N, C-alpha and C. Protein backbone atom coordinates (compact mmCIF):
# COMPACT_ATOMS: atom_id res chain seq x y z
N MET A 1 76.04 150.75 130.32
CA MET A 1 76.95 150.50 131.40
C MET A 1 77.08 148.99 131.67
N PHE A 2 75.98 148.25 131.56
CA PHE A 2 76.05 146.80 131.75
C PHE A 2 76.67 146.09 130.57
N LEU A 3 76.62 146.68 129.40
CA LEU A 3 77.07 146.00 128.19
C LEU A 3 78.58 145.74 128.19
N LEU A 4 79.36 146.67 128.65
CA LEU A 4 80.81 146.47 128.64
C LEU A 4 81.24 145.32 129.54
N PRO A 5 80.82 145.26 130.81
CA PRO A 5 81.23 144.10 131.64
C PRO A 5 80.67 142.78 131.10
N LEU A 6 79.46 142.82 130.57
CA LEU A 6 78.86 141.61 130.03
C LEU A 6 79.64 141.11 128.82
N SER A 7 80.03 142.02 127.94
CA SER A 7 80.79 141.61 126.76
C SER A 7 82.16 141.06 127.16
N LEU A 8 82.77 141.58 128.21
CA LEU A 8 84.05 141.06 128.68
C LEU A 8 83.89 139.65 129.26
N LEU A 9 82.81 139.40 129.97
CA LEU A 9 82.58 138.07 130.52
C LEU A 9 82.34 137.04 129.41
N LEU A 10 81.65 137.46 128.38
CA LEU A 10 81.39 136.54 127.28
C LEU A 10 82.66 136.23 126.49
N ALA A 11 83.59 137.13 126.45
CA ALA A 11 84.82 136.94 125.70
C ALA A 11 85.83 136.05 126.44
N LEU A 12 85.71 135.93 127.76
CA LEU A 12 86.68 135.15 128.54
C LEU A 12 86.74 133.67 128.14
N PRO A 13 85.61 132.96 128.02
CA PRO A 13 85.74 131.54 127.65
C PRO A 13 86.36 131.35 126.26
N ALA A 14 86.06 132.24 125.34
CA ALA A 14 86.63 132.12 124.00
C ALA A 14 88.13 132.35 124.04
N ALA A 15 88.58 133.30 124.85
CA ALA A 15 90.00 133.60 124.92
C ALA A 15 90.78 132.43 125.52
N ALA A 16 90.19 131.74 126.48
CA ALA A 16 90.88 130.64 127.13
C ALA A 16 91.07 129.45 126.19
N ASN A 17 90.24 129.34 125.16
CA ASN A 17 90.31 128.20 124.26
C ASN A 17 90.89 128.57 122.91
N THR A 18 91.46 129.76 122.79
CA THR A 18 92.01 130.22 121.53
C THR A 18 93.50 130.44 121.70
N LEU A 19 94.27 130.04 120.69
CA LEU A 19 95.72 130.26 120.72
C LEU A 19 96.06 131.33 119.70
N TYR A 20 96.77 132.38 120.17
CA TYR A 20 97.14 133.50 119.32
C TYR A 20 98.64 133.51 119.08
N LYS A 21 99.02 133.98 117.89
CA LYS A 21 100.43 134.22 117.57
C LYS A 21 100.56 135.72 117.34
N CYS A 22 101.33 136.37 118.20
CA CYS A 22 101.50 137.82 118.10
C CYS A 22 102.96 138.13 117.79
N THR A 23 103.14 139.09 116.89
CA THR A 23 104.48 139.53 116.51
C THR A 23 104.58 141.02 116.84
N ASP A 24 105.62 141.38 117.60
CA ASP A 24 105.76 142.81 117.92
C ASP A 24 106.61 143.52 116.88
N GLU A 25 106.88 144.81 117.10
CA GLU A 25 107.59 145.63 116.13
C GLU A 25 109.00 145.13 115.85
N SER A 26 109.63 144.50 116.84
CA SER A 26 111.00 144.02 116.66
C SER A 26 111.05 142.64 116.01
N GLY A 27 109.89 142.02 115.78
CA GLY A 27 109.83 140.72 115.14
C GLY A 27 109.77 139.56 116.10
N ALA A 28 109.72 139.84 117.40
CA ALA A 28 109.63 138.78 118.40
C ALA A 28 108.23 138.17 118.34
N VAL A 29 108.17 136.85 118.44
CA VAL A 29 106.91 136.13 118.35
C VAL A 29 106.49 135.70 119.74
N LEU A 30 105.21 135.91 120.05
CA LEU A 30 104.65 135.50 121.33
C LEU A 30 103.44 134.62 121.05
N LEU A 31 103.45 133.40 121.62
CA LEU A 31 102.30 132.51 121.53
C LEU A 31 101.58 132.58 122.86
N THR A 32 100.30 132.86 122.83
CA THR A 32 99.55 133.05 124.06
C THR A 32 98.09 132.65 123.87
N ASN A 33 97.42 132.41 125.00
CA ASN A 33 96.00 132.14 124.94
C ASN A 33 95.19 133.38 125.32
N GLN A 34 95.89 134.50 125.46
CA GLN A 34 95.22 135.77 125.75
C GLN A 34 95.57 136.75 124.66
N LYS A 35 94.54 137.33 124.06
CA LYS A 35 94.80 138.29 123.00
C LYS A 35 95.33 139.58 123.62
N VAL A 36 96.48 139.98 123.14
CA VAL A 36 97.08 141.21 123.66
C VAL A 36 96.66 142.36 122.76
N THR A 37 96.87 143.57 123.23
CA THR A 37 96.41 144.75 122.49
C THR A 37 97.31 145.10 121.32
N ARG A 38 98.44 144.43 121.20
CA ARG A 38 99.34 144.72 120.10
C ARG A 38 98.72 144.32 118.77
N LYS A 39 99.17 145.00 117.74
CA LYS A 39 98.75 144.60 116.40
C LYS A 39 99.59 143.40 115.98
N GLY A 40 99.16 142.71 114.95
CA GLY A 40 99.93 141.58 114.45
C GLY A 40 99.58 140.27 115.13
N CYS A 41 98.42 140.18 115.77
CA CYS A 41 98.00 138.94 116.40
C CYS A 41 97.08 138.19 115.44
N THR A 42 97.36 136.90 115.26
CA THR A 42 96.50 136.06 114.45
C THR A 42 96.10 134.83 115.26
N VAL A 43 94.94 134.29 114.96
CA VAL A 43 94.46 133.10 115.64
C VAL A 43 95.12 131.89 115.01
N LEU A 44 95.80 131.08 115.84
CA LEU A 44 96.42 129.85 115.36
C LEU A 44 95.46 128.67 115.44
N SER A 45 94.74 128.58 116.56
CA SER A 45 93.77 127.49 116.71
C SER A 45 92.68 127.92 117.67
N TYR A 46 91.56 127.27 117.51
CA TYR A 46 90.43 127.54 118.38
C TYR A 46 89.86 126.20 118.81
N GLN A 47 89.72 126.03 120.10
CA GLN A 47 89.17 124.79 120.62
C GLN A 47 87.80 125.08 121.20
N SER A 48 86.82 124.30 120.77
CA SER A 48 85.48 124.52 121.31
C SER A 48 85.45 124.08 122.76
N PRO A 49 84.58 124.67 123.56
CA PRO A 49 84.55 124.34 124.98
C PRO A 49 84.16 122.89 125.20
N PRO A 50 84.62 122.30 126.30
CA PRO A 50 84.29 120.90 126.58
C PRO A 50 82.81 120.75 126.88
N PRO A 51 82.29 119.51 126.80
CA PRO A 51 80.87 119.30 127.10
C PRO A 51 80.60 119.60 128.56
N PRO A 52 79.36 119.90 128.88
CA PRO A 52 79.03 120.24 130.27
C PRO A 52 79.28 119.05 131.19
N PRO A 53 79.66 119.32 132.45
CA PRO A 53 79.93 118.23 133.39
C PRO A 53 78.63 117.50 133.73
N GLY A 54 78.78 116.31 134.25
CA GLY A 54 77.60 115.54 134.64
C GLY A 54 77.23 114.49 133.62
N GLY A 55 78.01 114.35 132.57
CA GLY A 55 77.75 113.30 131.60
C GLY A 55 76.51 113.52 130.75
N VAL A 56 76.06 114.75 130.63
CA VAL A 56 74.90 115.01 129.79
C VAL A 56 75.34 114.87 128.34
N VAL A 57 74.70 113.99 127.62
CA VAL A 57 75.04 113.75 126.24
C VAL A 57 73.88 114.21 125.37
N ARG A 58 74.22 115.05 124.41
CA ARG A 58 73.19 115.48 123.47
C ARG A 58 72.91 114.38 122.48
N GLN A 59 71.66 114.15 122.21
CA GLN A 59 71.30 113.15 121.23
C GLN A 59 71.01 113.83 119.91
N ARG A 60 71.29 113.10 118.84
CA ARG A 60 71.00 113.64 117.51
C ARG A 60 69.50 113.77 117.36
N PRO A 61 69.10 114.78 116.61
CA PRO A 61 67.66 114.89 116.36
C PRO A 61 67.18 113.69 115.54
N ALA A 62 65.93 113.37 115.71
CA ALA A 62 65.36 112.24 114.98
C ALA A 62 65.46 112.50 113.48
N ALA A 63 65.67 111.44 112.74
CA ALA A 63 65.78 111.56 111.29
C ALA A 63 64.46 112.08 110.73
N ALA A 64 64.60 112.90 109.72
CA ALA A 64 63.41 113.45 109.09
C ALA A 64 62.67 112.33 108.35
N PRO A 65 61.36 112.36 108.37
CA PRO A 65 60.62 111.33 107.65
C PRO A 65 60.86 111.45 106.15
N THR A 66 60.66 110.35 105.46
CA THR A 66 60.83 110.34 104.01
C THR A 66 59.80 111.26 103.37
N PRO A 67 60.22 112.14 102.48
CA PRO A 67 59.26 113.03 101.84
C PRO A 67 58.22 112.23 101.06
N GLY A 68 57.03 112.77 100.97
CA GLY A 68 55.94 112.10 100.27
C GLY A 68 56.20 111.92 98.80
N ASP A 69 56.96 112.82 98.17
CA ASP A 69 57.22 112.71 96.74
C ASP A 69 58.50 111.91 96.43
N PHE A 70 59.07 111.28 97.47
CA PHE A 70 60.27 110.47 97.27
C PHE A 70 59.91 109.23 96.47
N PRO A 71 60.70 108.89 95.43
CA PRO A 71 60.34 107.73 94.61
C PRO A 71 60.37 106.44 95.43
N ARG A 72 59.34 105.65 95.26
CA ARG A 72 59.24 104.37 95.95
C ARG A 72 59.23 103.26 94.92
N ILE A 73 59.69 102.10 95.36
CA ILE A 73 59.64 100.95 94.47
C ILE A 73 58.74 99.90 95.10
N SER A 74 58.22 99.06 94.27
CA SER A 74 57.31 98.03 94.77
C SER A 74 58.10 96.95 95.49
N SER A 75 57.42 96.17 96.30
CA SER A 75 58.10 95.09 97.03
C SER A 75 58.61 94.05 96.04
N ASN A 76 57.90 93.86 94.93
CA ASN A 76 58.35 92.92 93.90
C ASN A 76 59.67 93.39 93.30
N GLU A 77 59.77 94.70 93.00
CA GLU A 77 61.01 95.26 92.44
C GLU A 77 62.15 95.11 93.44
N GLN A 78 61.87 95.33 94.73
CA GLN A 78 62.91 95.18 95.75
C GLN A 78 63.37 93.74 95.85
N ARG A 79 62.44 92.80 95.75
CA ARG A 79 62.79 91.38 95.77
C ARG A 79 63.71 91.04 94.59
N ILE A 80 63.40 91.60 93.43
CA ILE A 80 64.24 91.38 92.25
C ILE A 80 65.64 91.94 92.47
N ARG A 81 65.72 93.14 93.03
CA ARG A 81 67.03 93.75 93.31
C ARG A 81 67.82 92.93 94.32
N ASP A 82 67.13 92.47 95.37
CA ASP A 82 67.80 91.64 96.38
C ASP A 82 68.31 90.34 95.76
N GLY A 83 67.51 89.77 94.86
CA GLY A 83 67.93 88.54 94.18
C GLY A 83 69.15 88.78 93.31
N ASP A 84 69.16 89.92 92.61
CA ASP A 84 70.33 90.28 91.79
C ASP A 84 71.58 90.44 92.66
N ARG A 85 71.40 91.08 93.80
CA ARG A 85 72.52 91.30 94.71
C ARG A 85 73.06 89.96 95.20
N ARG A 86 72.16 89.06 95.58
CA ARG A 86 72.58 87.74 96.04
C ARG A 86 73.33 87.00 94.94
N ALA A 87 72.83 87.08 93.70
CA ALA A 87 73.49 86.39 92.59
C ALA A 87 74.89 86.95 92.35
N ILE A 88 75.03 88.26 92.43
CA ILE A 88 76.35 88.89 92.24
C ILE A 88 77.30 88.44 93.34
N LEU A 89 76.83 88.45 94.59
CA LEU A 89 77.68 88.03 95.70
C LEU A 89 78.05 86.55 95.59
N ASP A 90 77.11 85.72 95.14
CA ASP A 90 77.40 84.29 94.95
C ASP A 90 78.49 84.11 93.89
N ARG A 91 78.39 84.85 92.79
CA ARG A 91 79.42 84.76 91.74
C ARG A 91 80.78 85.22 92.27
N GLU A 92 80.78 86.33 93.01
CA GLU A 92 82.04 86.82 93.58
C GLU A 92 82.64 85.80 94.55
N LEU A 93 81.78 85.17 95.35
CA LEU A 93 82.26 84.16 96.29
C LEU A 93 82.88 82.98 95.55
N ALA A 94 82.21 82.51 94.50
CA ALA A 94 82.74 81.39 93.73
C ALA A 94 84.10 81.75 93.12
N THR A 95 84.21 82.97 92.59
CA THR A 95 85.48 83.42 91.99
C THR A 95 86.57 83.50 93.05
N GLU A 96 86.25 84.04 94.21
CA GLU A 96 87.25 84.16 95.28
C GLU A 96 87.67 82.78 95.80
N LEU A 97 86.74 81.84 95.88
CA LEU A 97 87.10 80.49 96.30
C LEU A 97 88.07 79.86 95.29
N GLN A 98 87.83 80.07 94.01
CA GLN A 98 88.73 79.56 92.98
C GLN A 98 90.10 80.22 93.09
N ASN A 99 90.09 81.56 93.26
CA ASN A 99 91.36 82.29 93.37
C ASN A 99 92.14 81.85 94.61
N ALA A 100 91.43 81.61 95.71
CA ALA A 100 92.10 81.16 96.93
C ALA A 100 92.72 79.78 96.72
N GLU A 101 92.00 78.90 96.04
CA GLU A 101 92.53 77.57 95.77
C GLU A 101 93.77 77.64 94.87
N LYS A 102 93.71 78.48 93.84
CA LYS A 102 94.87 78.66 92.95
C LYS A 102 96.07 79.20 93.72
N ALA A 103 95.81 80.17 94.60
CA ALA A 103 96.90 80.77 95.38
C ALA A 103 97.51 79.74 96.32
N ARG A 104 96.67 78.89 96.94
CA ARG A 104 97.20 77.83 97.80
C ARG A 104 98.07 76.86 97.01
N LYS A 105 97.61 76.50 95.81
CA LYS A 105 98.36 75.57 94.96
C LYS A 105 99.70 76.18 94.55
N THR A 106 99.67 77.48 94.19
CA THR A 106 100.91 78.16 93.82
C THR A 106 101.88 78.19 94.99
N LEU A 107 101.36 78.43 96.19
CA LEU A 107 102.21 78.44 97.38
C LEU A 107 102.78 77.05 97.64
N GLN A 108 101.95 76.02 97.47
CA GLN A 108 102.41 74.65 97.69
C GLN A 108 103.47 74.28 96.65
N ASP A 109 103.26 74.69 95.39
CA ASP A 109 104.21 74.37 94.32
C ASP A 109 105.54 75.11 94.49
N ALA A 110 105.51 76.23 95.23
CA ALA A 110 106.74 77.01 95.43
C ALA A 110 107.73 76.24 96.28
N GLY A 111 107.22 75.30 97.08
CA GLY A 111 108.11 74.42 97.84
C GLY A 111 108.89 75.13 98.90
N ASN A 112 110.19 74.83 98.93
CA ASN A 112 111.07 75.33 99.99
C ASN A 112 111.91 76.49 99.52
N GLN A 113 111.29 77.45 98.89
CA GLN A 113 112.04 78.64 98.48
C GLN A 113 112.31 79.51 99.70
N SER A 114 113.06 80.55 99.49
CA SER A 114 113.41 81.45 100.60
C SER A 114 112.14 82.15 101.10
N PRO A 115 112.15 82.50 102.38
CA PRO A 115 110.97 83.18 102.95
C PRO A 115 110.62 84.47 102.22
N ASP A 116 111.62 85.14 101.63
CA ASP A 116 111.36 86.38 100.89
C ASP A 116 110.45 86.12 99.69
N LYS A 117 110.64 84.98 99.05
CA LYS A 117 109.85 84.66 97.87
C LYS A 117 108.49 84.06 98.24
N LEU A 118 108.41 83.41 99.40
CA LEU A 118 107.16 82.79 99.83
C LEU A 118 106.18 83.78 100.45
N GLN A 119 106.69 84.86 101.04
CA GLN A 119 105.80 85.80 101.74
C GLN A 119 104.75 86.43 100.83
N PRO A 120 105.09 86.88 99.63
CA PRO A 120 104.04 87.43 98.76
C PRO A 120 102.97 86.39 98.41
N LEU A 121 103.37 85.13 98.30
CA LEU A 121 102.40 84.07 98.01
C LEU A 121 101.49 83.84 99.21
N ARG A 122 102.07 83.87 100.41
CA ARG A 122 101.25 83.75 101.63
C ARG A 122 100.29 84.92 101.76
N ASP A 123 100.78 86.12 101.43
CA ASP A 123 99.92 87.30 101.49
C ASP A 123 98.75 87.18 100.52
N THR A 124 98.99 86.63 99.35
CA THR A 124 97.92 86.46 98.36
C THR A 124 96.88 85.47 98.86
N VAL A 125 97.34 84.36 99.46
CA VAL A 125 96.41 83.38 100.03
C VAL A 125 95.58 84.04 101.13
N ALA A 126 96.22 84.79 102.01
CA ALA A 126 95.50 85.45 103.11
C ALA A 126 94.48 86.45 102.57
N LEU A 127 94.83 87.18 101.53
CA LEU A 127 93.91 88.15 100.93
C LEU A 127 92.66 87.46 100.42
N HIS A 128 92.83 86.37 99.68
CA HIS A 128 91.67 85.66 99.14
C HIS A 128 90.84 85.04 100.25
N GLU A 129 91.48 84.56 101.30
CA GLU A 129 90.72 84.00 102.42
C GLU A 129 89.91 85.07 103.14
N ARG A 130 90.49 86.27 103.30
CA ARG A 130 89.73 87.38 103.90
C ARG A 130 88.55 87.77 103.02
N ASN A 131 88.78 87.79 101.70
CA ASN A 131 87.68 88.12 100.79
C ASN A 131 86.56 87.10 100.88
N VAL A 132 86.92 85.83 100.97
CA VAL A 132 85.91 84.78 101.09
C VAL A 132 85.10 84.98 102.37
N GLU A 133 85.77 85.24 103.48
CA GLU A 133 85.07 85.45 104.75
C GLU A 133 84.16 86.67 104.68
N SER A 134 84.63 87.74 104.06
CA SER A 134 83.81 88.95 103.94
C SER A 134 82.57 88.71 103.09
N LEU A 135 82.74 87.97 102.00
CA LEU A 135 81.60 87.68 101.14
C LEU A 135 80.60 86.77 101.84
N LYS A 136 81.09 85.80 102.60
CA LYS A 136 80.18 84.94 103.36
C LYS A 136 79.42 85.74 104.40
N LYS A 137 80.09 86.68 105.04
CA LYS A 137 79.42 87.52 106.03
C LYS A 137 78.36 88.39 105.35
N GLU A 138 78.69 88.96 104.22
CA GLU A 138 77.73 89.80 103.48
C GLU A 138 76.52 88.98 103.05
N LEU A 139 76.76 87.77 102.59
CA LEU A 139 75.65 86.90 102.19
C LEU A 139 74.81 86.53 103.41
N GLY A 140 75.44 86.36 104.55
CA GLY A 140 74.71 86.05 105.77
C GLY A 140 73.84 87.19 106.26
N ASN A 141 74.20 88.42 105.90
CA ASN A 141 73.44 89.60 106.30
C ASN A 141 72.22 89.86 105.43
N LEU A 142 72.14 89.18 104.30
CA LEU A 142 70.99 89.38 103.41
C LEU A 142 69.72 88.83 104.06
N ARG A 143 68.61 89.44 103.71
CA ARG A 143 67.32 88.96 104.22
C ARG A 143 66.84 87.77 103.44
């Protein structure tokens, strides 16, 4: 006797957050947030309920510790890898600086051409300058 009213109460929040598309025998379409007893109803969307009031924020569970059998590398190996990374970034930075300088020279040599022809050259200069800044930032983040 308690189960029927309880099951109806549990279904109410889900019904309020669900959008149904129902088609009757004549082909008329009804969009509603309440499931009707007619056949031909399909769920169009379901929205999960909003977070509880009061600003309670769930925090993510703590990260699982590293498994004991997880492969580890020595500090010397890590230093070598970090050095390789720095060398690669230094080479990329040098290349981008050269490319930026070439792009600036090409733009300068273009002179007083129409803005339509100069814009791609300006875009190329800006791209290389952004790359240089990104590489400098990445190098600054290294230990």
